[in-house]
Amino acid sequence: MGAEREAEETVAERPGELRRGLALLVAGASFMEFLDGTVIAPAAPHIADDLGVPAVAVNVAITAYVLTLAVLIPISGWLADRFGTRRVFTAAIAGFTIASLGCAAATSLPLLVAARVVQGAAGAMMVPVGRLVVLRTTAKSDLVRAIAYLTWPALAAPVVAPALGGVLATYASWRWIFLVNLPLGVAALVLARRLVPDDRAAQPAGLDWRGFLLTAGGVAALVVGMEALGSARPDAAVVALGLGGGAVGLTAAVRHLRRARRPLLDLQALWIETFRVAALGGSGFRAVMTAVPFLLALFFQLGLGWTAARAGAVVIALFVGNVAVKPVTTRLMRWLGIRSVMLVAIAGSAVCLLAMVLLQASTPLPLLLGLLVASGVFRSIGLTAYNSTAFADVAPDRMSAANPLMSTLTELGAGLGVAVGALLVRLGGSVATGEGPDDAFRIAFVLLTVLLVLPLVEALLLSRTAGDAVTGHRPRAAGRRRLPAGTPSG
């Protein structure tokens, strides 16, 4: 009790400083969660050799993690209201760290999958609850600054993961992929006790069990169906049951959530224009952007004949683009408005994807790196714009209801990105007329470009003044306004 009281008093005394520290803490936790979603993919052959299973079978460890995340995120808000944000967040960090140790110590594929399920369950509580705390304790005028800190994990982790997983598996051991989480988890646990306020609802509502079961069942079936459809040898029965069951389950879930008095996920938030665009268009944009580094790493190896080390190193150029533009993304939204920034990001990303279709083994390396840096730039400003828009018009007392819905859709978008990428490569291979394996990837890049139509339409329909309350944007006729001194860009 003494430590908790001291933390609460410290928060009250230095809200500005600790809000920044809190945002960075949650960003670090998000980085661990995003990283572990895809980091084992390049290490799959090494894991398979060690555990004595086919390499393709290791994919179930990735699926189990993403599936658990997507299924359990909807109850994160209820748990935070009932047991307190600090208790849930610290328990999630501890669970994630212990599960990481379990993954590293696994001696068989079933044990690895079981540890990944526990890791996914902890991640489902860790990031959404952490984001909720930041949103609750941040004023509207500072929301863009806080979102800037929370955005970089989604930008960095999917790009860093292939290189990190490949290097650790090749030069050390695949078990180090999970062991690196231990010191990070311990440090986060210590900081969480001091930085996270003990916020909880005075009278928490009961859990909507029917909504949870319908939503969880529908999401689980959808993920299983998508994974099966994108596999090298899809099982027609699993695909049909997964996609069909997902459609039925999610349809029933939507019907229930619209009628329930206290639904698990508050779909009314989708009536808020800015939230809807960030939830639907943002999830589509995020899925495409998550698929890009995954496809590029495979394209360079299977299509252009590169080594895994070279492919992983070159893909880092995407991250360079992410970082390079960060100092000006906030100013871009202030100068142009969120709608214009979204349109620029979508159009630029589409051009970069079409340019990737033209890549050859003979393409000069500087030109290739320049293309990937540009893709990373558009990726960064697009995700920052969507994240900044999401809660721009959501009232503080609606954050607990809106945050789980946004977290669920965001996680699904990112999680299904890799599955969608694998599916498009398979579709590309079935219609390719050339003999080389690179044709399948070129067609996949074109199809990814087509998928950007949904975010494009959503952005075009968005109000020109959307998000102005959080970005400080004003039409030219209304005059200009300077950012407050010391405001970090992001």
Protein backbone atom coordinates (compact mmCIF):
# COMPACT_ATOMS: atom_id res chain seq x y z
CA MET A 1 0.00 0.00 0.00
CA GLY A 2 2.86 2.38 0.78
CA ALA A 3 4.40 1.93 -2.67
CA GLU A 4 1.04 2.44 -4.35
CA ARG A 5 0.33 5.60 -2.34
CA GLU A 6 3.78 6.96 -3.16
CA ALA A 7 3.23 6.30 -6.86
CA GLU A 8 -0.13 8.06 -6.83
CA GLU A 9 1.34 11.09 -5.04
CA THR A 10 4.22 11.23 -7.51
CA VAL A 11 1.81 11.16 -10.43
CA ALA A 12 -0.14 14.04 -8.95
CA GLU A 13 2.99 16.09 -8.33
CA ARG A 14 4.69 15.69 -11.73
CA PRO A 15 1.95 14.85 -14.23
CA GLY A 16 3.76 16.16 -17.30
CA GLU A 17 7.01 14.30 -16.71
CA LEU A 18 5.39 11.07 -15.67
CA ARG A 19 2.90 11.13 -18.50
CA ARG A 20 5.84 11.05 -20.91
CA GLY A 21 7.45 8.27 -18.89
CA LEU A 22 4.19 6.35 -18.83
CA ALA A 23 3.82 6.67 -22.60
CA LEU A 24 7.37 5.41 -23.12
CA LEU A 25 6.75 2.49 -20.76
CA VAL A 26 3.65 1.45 -22.67
CA ALA A 27 5.54 1.91 -25.95
CA GLY A 28 8.25 -0.46 -24.70
CA ALA A 29 5.65 -3.04 -23.72
CA SER A 30 4.02 -2.66 -27.12
CA PHE A 31 7.37 -3.21 -28.82
CA MET A 32 7.80 -6.54 -27.02
CA GLU A 33 4.31 -7.65 -27.99
CA PHE A 34 4.58 -6.60 -31.66
CA LEU A 35 8.08 -8.06 -31.96
CA ASP A 36 7.09 -11.46 -30.64
CA GLY A 37 4.23 -11.65 -33.12
CA THR A 38 6.49 -12.29 -36.11
CA VAL A 39 10.06 -12.62 -34.82
CA ILE A 40 10.06 -16.43 -34.95
CA ALA A 41 9.09 -16.59 -38.65
CA PRO A 42 12.65 -16.33 -40.04
CA ALA A 43 13.87 -18.74 -37.36
CA ALA A 44 11.27 -21.41 -38.19
CA PRO A 45 13.76 -23.79 -39.90
CA HIS A 46 16.12 -23.66 -36.91
CA ILE A 47 13.24 -24.23 -34.46
CA ALA A 48 11.96 -27.12 -36.57
CA ASP A 49 15.37 -28.82 -36.69
CA ASP A 50 15.79 -28.48 -32.93
CA LEU A 51 12.31 -29.75 -32.07
CA GLY A 52 12.24 -32.44 -34.75
CA VAL A 53 9.21 -31.21 -36.72
CA PRO A 54 8.67 -29.94 -40.29
CA ALA A 55 9.42 -26.24 -40.72
CA VAL A 56 5.87 -25.51 -41.88
CA ALA A 57 4.50 -26.90 -38.61
CA VAL A 58 6.18 -24.10 -36.62
CA ASN A 59 3.65 -21.69 -38.15
CA VAL A 60 1.15 -22.88 -35.54
CA ALA A 61 3.23 -21.09 -32.87
CA ILE A 62 2.71 -17.81 -34.72
CA THR A 63 -0.99 -18.47 -35.25
CA ALA A 64 -1.55 -19.43 -31.61
CA TYR A 65 -0.02 -16.15 -30.44
CA VAL A 66 -2.01 -13.92 -32.82
CA LEU A 67 -5.20 -15.88 -32.20
CA THR A 68 -4.95 -15.56 -28.41
CA LEU A 69 -4.27 -11.84 -28.68
CA ALA A 70 -7.26 -11.20 -30.91
CA VAL A 71 -9.62 -13.34 -28.82
CA LEU A 72 -8.78 -11.91 -25.39
CA ILE A 73 -8.28 -8.20 -26.16
CA PRO A 74 -12.05 -7.44 -25.92
CA ILE A 75 -12.11 -8.21 -22.18
CA SER A 76 -9.10 -6.03 -21.36
CA GLY A 77 -11.24 -2.97 -20.63
CA TRP A 78 -13.53 -4.92 -18.30
CA LEU A 79 -10.56 -6.36 -16.40
CA ALA A 80 -9.02 -2.90 -16.00
CA ASP A 81 -12.27 -1.45 -14.65
CA ARG A 82 -12.78 -4.34 -12.24
CA PHE A 83 -9.27 -4.99 -10.91
CA GLY A 84 -7.48 -1.70 -11.61
CA THR A 85 -5.18 -0.66 -14.41
CA ARG A 86 -1.96 -0.99 -12.41
CA ARG A 87 -2.73 -4.48 -11.18
CA VAL A 88 -3.76 -5.77 -14.60
CA PHE A 89 -0.85 -4.10 -16.42
CA THR A 90 1.81 -5.36 -14.00
CA ALA A 91 0.31 -8.87 -13.95
CA ALA A 92 0.33 -8.88 -17.76
CA ILE A 93 4.00 -7.86 -17.91
CA ALA A 94 4.91 -10.54 -15.39
CA GLY A 95 2.93 -13.16 -17.31
CA PHE A 96 4.50 -12.14 -20.63
CA THR A 97 8.01 -12.33 -19.17
CA ILE A 98 7.45 -15.75 -17.56
CA ALA A 99 5.85 -17.06 -20.76
CA SER A 100 8.88 -15.84 -22.73
CA LEU A 101 11.09 -17.94 -20.47
CA GLY A 102 8.76 -20.88 -21.09
CA CYS A 103 9.10 -20.42 -24.86
CA ALA A 104 12.89 -20.39 -24.57
CA ALA A 105 12.86 -23.57 -22.47
CA ALA A 106 10.37 -25.49 -24.67
CA THR A 107 11.58 -28.96 -25.66
CA SER A 108 8.73 -29.80 -28.02
CA LEU A 109 6.37 -28.00 -30.38
CA PRO A 110 3.28 -28.52 -28.13
CA LEU A 111 5.15 -26.95 -25.19
CA LEU A 112 6.23 -24.02 -27.37
CA VAL A 113 2.65 -23.49 -28.56
CA ALA A 114 1.32 -23.65 -24.98
CA ALA A 115 3.85 -21.03 -23.87
CA ARG A 116 2.93 -18.86 -26.85
CA VAL A 117 -0.74 -19.03 -25.85
CA VAL A 118 0.13 -17.77 -22.36
CA GLN A 119 2.33 -15.09 -23.93
CA GLY A 120 -0.53 -14.00 -26.18
CA ALA A 121 -2.96 -13.88 -23.26
CA ALA A 122 -0.61 -11.61 -21.33
CA GLY A 123 -0.03 -9.42 -24.38
CA ALA A 124 -3.78 -9.05 -24.85
CA MET A 125 -3.98 -7.42 -21.41
CA MET A 126 -0.64 -5.59 -21.47
CA VAL A 127 -0.88 -3.28 -24.49
CA PRO A 128 -4.61 -2.35 -24.54
CA VAL A 129 -4.64 -1.60 -20.80
CA GLY A 130 -1.42 0.41 -21.08
CA ARG A 131 -2.85 2.39 -23.99
CA LEU A 132 -6.05 2.98 -22.02
CA VAL A 133 -4.09 4.44 -19.10
CA VAL A 134 -2.25 6.84 -21.41
CA LEU A 135 -5.49 7.94 -23.09
CA ARG A 136 -7.24 8.50 -19.76
CA THR A 137 -4.43 10.59 -18.31
CA THR A 138 -3.71 12.74 -21.39
CA ALA A 139 -5.49 15.96 -22.25
CA LYS A 140 -6.88 16.36 -25.77
CA SER A 141 -4.30 19.04 -26.52
CA ASP A 142 -1.49 16.58 -25.71
CA LEU A 143 -3.04 13.55 -27.39
CA VAL A 144 -0.92 13.73 -30.56
CA ARG A 145 2.25 13.91 -28.47
CA ALA A 146 1.23 10.83 -26.48
CA ILE A 147 0.20 8.92 -29.61
CA ALA A 148 3.60 9.69 -31.13
CA TYR A 149 5.26 7.64 -28.38
CA LEU A 150 2.77 4.79 -28.80
CA THR A 151 3.15 4.59 -32.58
CA TRP A 152 6.82 3.73 -32.99
CA PRO A 153 6.53 0.08 -31.77
CA ALA A 154 4.06 -0.71 -34.56
CA LEU A 155 6.45 0.92 -37.03
CA ALA A 156 9.67 -0.66 -35.82
CA ALA A 157 8.81 -4.16 -34.63
CA PRO A 158 7.52 -5.72 -37.91
CA VAL A 159 10.62 -4.44 -39.71
CA VAL A 160 13.18 -5.29 -37.03
CA ALA A 161 11.72 -8.75 -36.35
CA PRO A 162 12.93 -10.53 -39.54
CA ALA A 163 16.50 -9.29 -39.13
CA LEU A 164 16.63 -9.92 -35.38
CA GLY A 165 15.08 -13.37 -35.60
CA GLY A 166 17.40 -14.41 -38.43
CA VAL A 167 20.56 -13.12 -36.73
CA LEU A 168 19.82 -14.69 -33.34
CA ALA A 169 18.82 -18.03 -34.86
CA THR A 170 21.86 -18.14 -37.16
CA TYR A 171 24.62 -16.87 -34.87
CA ALA A 172 23.32 -17.75 -31.39
CA SER A 173 20.19 -19.85 -30.81
CA TRP A 174 16.51 -19.42 -31.59
CA ARG A 175 15.90 -19.53 -27.83
CA TRP A 176 17.53 -16.11 -27.49
CA ILE A 177 14.59 -14.70 -29.45
CA PHE A 178 12.57 -15.10 -26.25
CA LEU A 179 15.35 -14.67 -23.67
CA VAL A 180 15.88 -11.04 -24.74
CA ASN A 181 12.44 -10.32 -23.26
CA LEU A 182 13.54 -11.20 -19.72
CA PRO A 183 15.58 -8.08 -18.82
CA LEU A 184 13.07 -5.90 -20.68
CA GLY A 185 10.19 -7.45 -18.77
CA VAL A 186 11.86 -7.05 -15.37
CA ALA A 187 12.65 -3.40 -16.06
CA ALA A 188 9.09 -2.74 -17.26
CA LEU A 189 7.67 -4.40 -14.16
CA VAL A 190 9.70 -2.16 -11.84
CA LEU A 191 8.73 0.99 -13.75
CA ALA A 192 5.06 0.00 -13.94
CA ARG A 193 4.78 -0.07 -10.15
CA ARG A 194 5.82 3.57 -10.08
CA LEU A 195 4.38 5.07 -13.25
CA VAL A 196 0.99 3.39 -13.76
CA PRO A 197 -1.88 4.95 -11.75
CA ASP A 198 -4.27 2.61 -9.95
CA ASP A 199 -7.36 3.61 -11.96
CA ARG A 200 -10.52 1.52 -11.74
CA ALA A 201 -14.29 1.88 -12.06
CA ALA A 202 -16.22 2.66 -8.87
CA GLN A 203 -18.96 0.21 -9.89
CA PRO A 204 -17.63 -2.06 -12.67
CA ALA A 205 -20.25 -3.57 -14.93
CA GLY A 206 -20.63 -7.31 -15.35
CA LEU A 207 -18.93 -9.05 -18.24
CA ASP A 208 -20.98 -9.60 -21.39
CA TRP A 209 -20.26 -13.33 -21.60
CA ARG A 210 -22.46 -13.93 -24.64
CA GLY A 211 -20.78 -11.11 -26.54
CA PHE A 212 -17.36 -12.41 -25.51
CA LEU A 213 -18.03 -15.98 -26.63
CA LEU A 214 -19.52 -14.89 -29.96
CA THR A 215 -16.73 -12.41 -30.65
CA ALA A 216 -13.96 -14.76 -29.53
CA GLY A 217 -15.38 -17.67 -31.52
CA GLY A 218 -15.82 -15.58 -34.66
CA VAL A 219 -12.36 -14.04 -34.48
CA ALA A 220 -10.73 -17.41 -33.75
CA ALA A 221 -12.47 -19.06 -36.70
CA LEU A 222 -11.55 -16.16 -39.01
CA VAL A 223 -7.86 -16.29 -38.07
CA VAL A 224 -7.73 -20.08 -38.46
CA GLY A 225 -9.44 -19.88 -41.84
CA MET A 226 -7.12 -17.14 -43.11
CA GLU A 227 -4.02 -19.01 -41.93
CA ALA A 228 -5.23 -22.23 -43.55
CA LEU A 229 -6.07 -20.46 -46.81
CA GLY A 230 -2.60 -18.94 -47.03
CA SER A 231 -0.71 -22.14 -46.24
CA ALA A 232 1.30 -24.05 -48.84
CA ARG A 233 -1.25 -26.89 -48.88
CA PRO A 234 -4.59 -25.48 -47.74
CA ASP A 235 -7.12 -27.93 -46.33
CA ALA A 236 -10.45 -27.11 -47.99
CA ALA A 237 -12.45 -28.30 -45.00
CA VAL A 238 -10.48 -26.18 -42.52
CA VAL A 239 -10.69 -23.14 -44.79
CA ALA A 240 -14.45 -23.54 -45.27
CA LEU A 241 -15.16 -24.14 -41.59
CA GLY A 242 -12.86 -21.32 -40.50
CA LEU A 243 -14.10 -18.61 -42.86
CA GLY A 244 -17.73 -19.79 -42.69
CA GLY A 245 -17.67 -20.08 -38.91
CA GLY A 246 -15.98 -16.70 -38.65
CA ALA A 247 -18.62 -15.03 -40.80
CA VAL A 248 -21.49 -16.59 -38.85
CA GLY A 249 -19.92 -15.93 -35.45
CA LEU A 250 -19.02 -12.32 -36.14
CA THR A 251 -22.42 -11.60 -37.69
CA ALA A 252 -24.13 -12.99 -34.61
CA ALA A 253 -21.73 -11.02 -32.41
CA VAL A 254 -22.55 -7.74 -34.17
CA ARG A 255 -26.28 -8.37 -33.81
CA HIS A 256 -25.85 -9.07 -30.11
CA LEU A 257 -23.51 -6.14 -29.43
CA ARG A 258 -25.92 -3.71 -31.08
CA ARG A 259 -28.81 -4.85 -28.85
CA ALA A 260 -27.10 -5.56 -25.51
CA ARG A 261 -27.50 -3.01 -22.71
CA ARG A 262 -23.86 -3.29 -21.68
CA PRO A 263 -22.05 -4.88 -24.61
CA LEU A 264 -18.53 -6.27 -24.51
CA LEU A 265 -17.54 -3.96 -27.39
CA ASP A 266 -19.32 -0.62 -27.81
CA LEU A 267 -20.08 -0.47 -31.53
CA GLN A 268 -21.65 2.95 -31.07
CA ALA A 269 -18.12 4.36 -31.21
CA LEU A 270 -18.17 3.56 -34.94
CA TRP A 271 -20.75 6.34 -35.39
CA ILE A 272 -17.97 8.79 -34.55
CA GLU A 273 -16.50 9.69 -37.93
CA THR A 274 -12.85 9.93 -36.90
CA PHE A 275 -12.99 6.73 -34.85
CA ARG A 276 -14.65 4.80 -37.69
CA VAL A 277 -12.05 5.87 -40.24
CA ALA A 278 -9.20 4.95 -37.89
CA ALA A 279 -10.84 1.62 -37.04
CA LEU A 280 -11.82 0.44 -40.52
CA GLY A 281 -9.59 2.29 -42.96
CA GLY A 282 -6.73 2.25 -40.45
CA SER A 283 -6.95 -1.51 -39.96
CA GLY A 284 -6.86 -2.04 -43.73
CA PHE A 285 -3.86 0.27 -44.12
CA ARG A 286 -2.11 -1.43 -41.20
CA ALA A 287 -2.68 -4.92 -42.66
CA VAL A 288 -1.10 -3.89 -45.97
CA MET A 289 1.83 -2.19 -44.28
CA THR A 290 2.43 -5.21 -42.02
CA ALA A 291 2.50 -7.52 -45.05
CA VAL A 292 5.13 -5.45 -46.90
CA PRO A 293 8.26 -6.33 -44.83
CA PHE A 294 7.13 -9.96 -44.65
CA LEU A 295 6.76 -10.21 -48.44
CA LEU A 296 9.95 -8.27 -49.17
CA ALA A 297 12.07 -10.59 -47.01
CA LEU A 298 10.71 -13.61 -48.89
CA PHE A 299 10.85 -11.90 -52.29
CA PHE A 300 14.52 -11.03 -51.90
CA GLN A 301 15.37 -14.62 -50.94
CA LEU A 302 13.06 -16.71 -53.13
CA GLY A 303 12.59 -14.28 -56.00
CA LEU A 304 15.97 -12.58 -56.33
CA GLY A 305 18.14 -15.33 -54.84
CA TRP A 306 19.56 -13.34 -51.93
CA THR A 307 20.76 -14.80 -48.64
CA ALA A 308 18.60 -14.46 -45.55
CA ALA A 309 21.15 -12.17 -43.89
CA ARG A 310 21.25 -9.77 -46.84
CA ALA A 311 17.47 -9.74 -47.21
CA GLY A 312 16.96 -8.98 -43.52
CA ALA A 313 19.54 -6.22 -43.56
CA VAL A 314 18.03 -4.48 -46.60
CA VAL A 315 14.50 -4.57 -45.18
CA ILE A 316 15.81 -2.43 -42.30
CA ALA A 317 15.68 0.46 -44.80
CA LEU A 318 11.92 0.55 -44.13
CA PHE A 319 12.67 1.30 -40.50
CA VAL A 320 15.10 4.03 -41.54
CA GLY A 321 12.25 5.70 -43.42
CA ASN A 322 9.99 5.33 -40.38
CA VAL A 323 12.50 7.08 -38.13
CA ALA A 324 13.60 9.71 -40.64
CA VAL A 325 10.14 11.23 -40.98
CA LYS A 326 9.15 11.10 -37.30
CA PRO A 327 10.44 14.60 -36.46
CA VAL A 328 8.02 16.17 -38.96
CA THR A 329 4.87 14.02 -38.80
CA THR A 330 3.19 16.15 -36.14
CA ARG A 331 3.96 19.32 -38.09
CA LEU A 332 2.63 17.72 -41.28
CA MET A 333 -0.71 17.03 -39.60
CA ARG A 334 -0.78 20.56 -38.21
CA TRP A 335 0.02 22.16 -41.59
CA LEU A 336 -2.06 19.94 -43.87
CA GLY A 337 -4.68 18.37 -41.64
CA ILE A 338 -5.08 14.68 -40.89
CA ARG A 339 -7.22 13.98 -43.97
CA SER A 340 -4.62 15.33 -46.38
CA VAL A 341 -1.83 13.46 -44.59
CA MET A 342 -3.79 10.21 -44.87
CA LEU A 343 -4.32 10.71 -48.60
CA VAL A 344 -0.62 11.45 -49.13
CA ALA A 345 0.36 8.35 -47.14
CA ILE A 346 -2.03 6.06 -49.04
CA ALA A 347 -1.08 7.41 -52.46
CA GLY A 348 2.64 7.28 -51.67
CA SER A 349 2.38 3.73 -50.33
CA ALA A 350 0.54 2.63 -53.47
CA VAL A 351 3.23 4.11 -55.72
CA CYS A 352 5.95 2.37 -53.69
CA LEU A 353 4.16 -0.99 -53.91
CA LEU A 354 3.84 -0.70 -57.68
CA ALA A 355 7.51 0.24 -57.90
CA MET A 356 8.39 -2.95 -55.99
CA VAL A 357 6.82 -4.93 -58.84
CA LEU A 358 9.62 -3.65 -61.11
CA LEU A 359 12.51 -4.67 -58.86
CA GLN A 360 15.09 -7.00 -60.39
CA ALA A 361 18.28 -8.66 -59.18
CA SER A 362 20.13 -6.08 -61.26
CA THR A 363 18.41 -3.07 -59.65
CA PRO A 364 21.12 -0.77 -58.20
CA LEU A 365 21.24 -1.11 -54.42
CA PRO A 366 21.03 2.67 -53.76
CA LEU A 367 17.84 2.85 -55.84
CA LEU A 368 16.37 -0.14 -54.00
CA LEU A 369 17.23 1.31 -50.59
CA GLY A 370 15.76 4.66 -51.61
CA LEU A 371 12.48 2.95 -52.54
CA LEU A 372 12.28 1.13 -49.21
CA VAL A 373 13.09 4.29 -47.26
CA ALA A 374 10.30 6.12 -49.13
CA SER A 375 7.89 3.27 -48.37
CA GLY A 376 8.83 3.51 -44.70
CA VAL A 377 8.21 7.26 -44.74
CA PHE A 378 4.67 6.91 -46.08
CA ARG A 379 4.04 3.97 -43.75
CA SER A 380 5.07 6.05 -40.75
CA ILE A 381 3.02 9.17 -41.48
CA GLY A 382 -0.01 7.03 -42.36
CA LEU A 383 -0.01 5.04 -39.12
CA THR A 384 0.66 8.18 -37.07
CA ALA A 385 -2.29 9.93 -38.73
CA TYR A 386 -4.65 7.01 -38.07
CA ASN A 387 -3.51 6.64 -34.46
CA SER A 388 -3.89 10.37 -33.85
CA THR A 389 -7.38 10.39 -35.35
CA ALA A 390 -8.76 7.42 -33.45
CA PHE A 391 -9.69 9.10 -30.16
CA ALA A 392 -9.80 12.71 -31.30
CA ASP A 393 -13.57 12.98 -30.77
CA VAL A 394 -14.11 10.26 -28.14
CA ALA A 395 -15.22 11.66 -24.78
CA PRO A 396 -13.03 10.72 -21.78
CA ASP A 397 -15.84 8.73 -20.15
CA ARG A 398 -16.17 6.62 -23.34
CA MET A 399 -12.50 5.65 -23.53
CA SER A 400 -12.99 2.38 -21.62
CA ALA A 401 -15.64 1.31 -24.12
CA ALA A 402 -13.91 2.55 -27.30
CA ASN A 403 -10.35 1.40 -26.52
CA PRO A 404 -11.03 -2.39 -26.54
CA LEU A 405 -12.83 -2.11 -29.89
CA MET A 406 -9.95 -0.15 -31.42
CA SER A 407 -7.37 -2.50 -29.92
CA THR A 408 -9.19 -5.55 -31.27
CA LEU A 409 -9.45 -4.16 -34.79
CA THR A 410 -5.87 -2.91 -34.70
CA GLU A 411 -4.53 -6.27 -33.57
CA LEU A 412 -6.58 -8.09 -36.18
CA GLY A 413 -5.31 -5.78 -38.90
CA ALA A 414 -1.69 -6.29 -37.90
CA GLY A 415 -2.09 -10.00 -37.18
CA LEU A 416 -3.87 -10.81 -40.41
CA GLY A 417 -1.40 -8.76 -42.46
CA VAL A 418 1.09 -11.63 -42.66
CA ALA A 419 -1.70 -14.14 -43.40
CA VAL A 420 -3.04 -11.89 -46.15
CA GLY A 421 0.47 -11.52 -47.59
CA ALA A 422 0.94 -15.30 -47.70
CA LEU A 423 -2.48 -15.71 -49.30
CA LEU A 424 -1.74 -13.13 -52.01
CA VAL A 425 1.56 -14.84 -52.86
CA ARG A 426 -0.29 -18.11 -53.24
CA LEU A 427 -2.92 -16.46 -55.44
CA GLY A 428 -0.15 -14.79 -57.44
CA GLY A 429 1.55 -18.13 -57.99
CA SER A 430 -1.65 -19.68 -59.29
CA VAL A 431 -2.11 -17.02 -62.00
CA ALA A 432 1.53 -16.25 -62.82
CA THR A 433 2.52 -17.11 -66.38
CA GLY A 434 6.30 -16.91 -65.91
CA GLU A 435 8.52 -19.70 -64.69
CA GLY A 436 10.32 -17.79 -61.91
CA PRO A 437 9.05 -17.69 -58.31
CA ASP A 438 9.39 -13.90 -58.34
CA ASP A 439 6.24 -13.51 -60.46
CA ALA A 440 4.03 -14.62 -57.57
CA PHE A 441 5.45 -11.85 -55.38
CA ARG A 442 5.07 -9.22 -58.08
CA ILE A 443 1.38 -10.07 -58.42
CA ALA A 444 1.05 -10.00 -54.62
CA PHE A 445 2.42 -6.44 -54.53
CA VAL A 446 -0.18 -5.39 -57.12
CA LEU A 447 -2.97 -7.02 -55.09
CA LEU A 448 -1.76 -5.26 -51.94
CA THR A 449 -2.08 -1.98 -53.83
CA VAL A 450 -5.69 -2.85 -54.66
CA LEU A 451 -6.39 -3.43 -50.96
CA LEU A 452 -5.52 0.22 -50.29
CA VAL A 453 -8.78 1.23 -52.02
CA LEU A 454 -10.75 0.85 -48.77
CA PRO A 455 -8.50 3.20 -46.76
CA LEU A 456 -8.51 5.59 -49.73
CA VAL A 457 -12.31 5.76 -49.90
CA GLU A 458 -12.57 6.20 -46.12
CA ALA A 459 -10.05 9.05 -46.21
CA LEU A 460 -11.78 10.78 -49.12
CA LEU A 461 -15.09 10.76 -47.22
CA LEU A 462 -13.47 12.12 -44.05
CA SER A 463 -14.21 15.72 -43.08
CA ARG A 464 -11.44 18.19 -43.92
CA THR A 465 -11.47 19.42 -40.32
CA ALA A 466 -11.30 15.96 -38.76
CA GLY A 467 -8.79 15.75 -35.92
CA ASP A 468 -8.11 19.50 -35.84
CA ALA A 469 -8.83 19.53 -32.10
CA VAL A 470 -5.80 17.33 -31.39
CA THR A 471 -3.41 18.47 -34.13
CA GLY A 472 -3.95 22.24 -33.91
CA HIS A 473 -4.56 22.42 -37.68
CA ARG A 474 -6.42 25.45 -38.95
CA PRO A 475 -7.47 26.29 -42.49
CA ARG A 476 -5.19 28.82 -44.15
CA ALA A 477 -7.88 31.50 -43.96
CA ALA A 478 -8.10 31.08 -40.20
CA GLY A 479 -4.48 31.93 -39.68
CA ARG A 480 -1.53 30.02 -38.41
CA ARG A 481 -0.75 28.76 -34.98
CA ARG A 482 2.57 27.72 -33.54
CA LEU A 483 3.16 24.47 -31.67
CA PRO A 484 3.82 24.96 -27.95
CA ALA A 485 7.49 25.23 -27.08
CA GLY A 486 9.09 21.91 -26.29
CA THR A 487 6.47 19.86 -28.12
CA PRO A 488 8.12 16.68 -29.48
CA SER A 489 7.27 15.77 -33.04
CA GLY A 490 5.88 12.35 -33.82
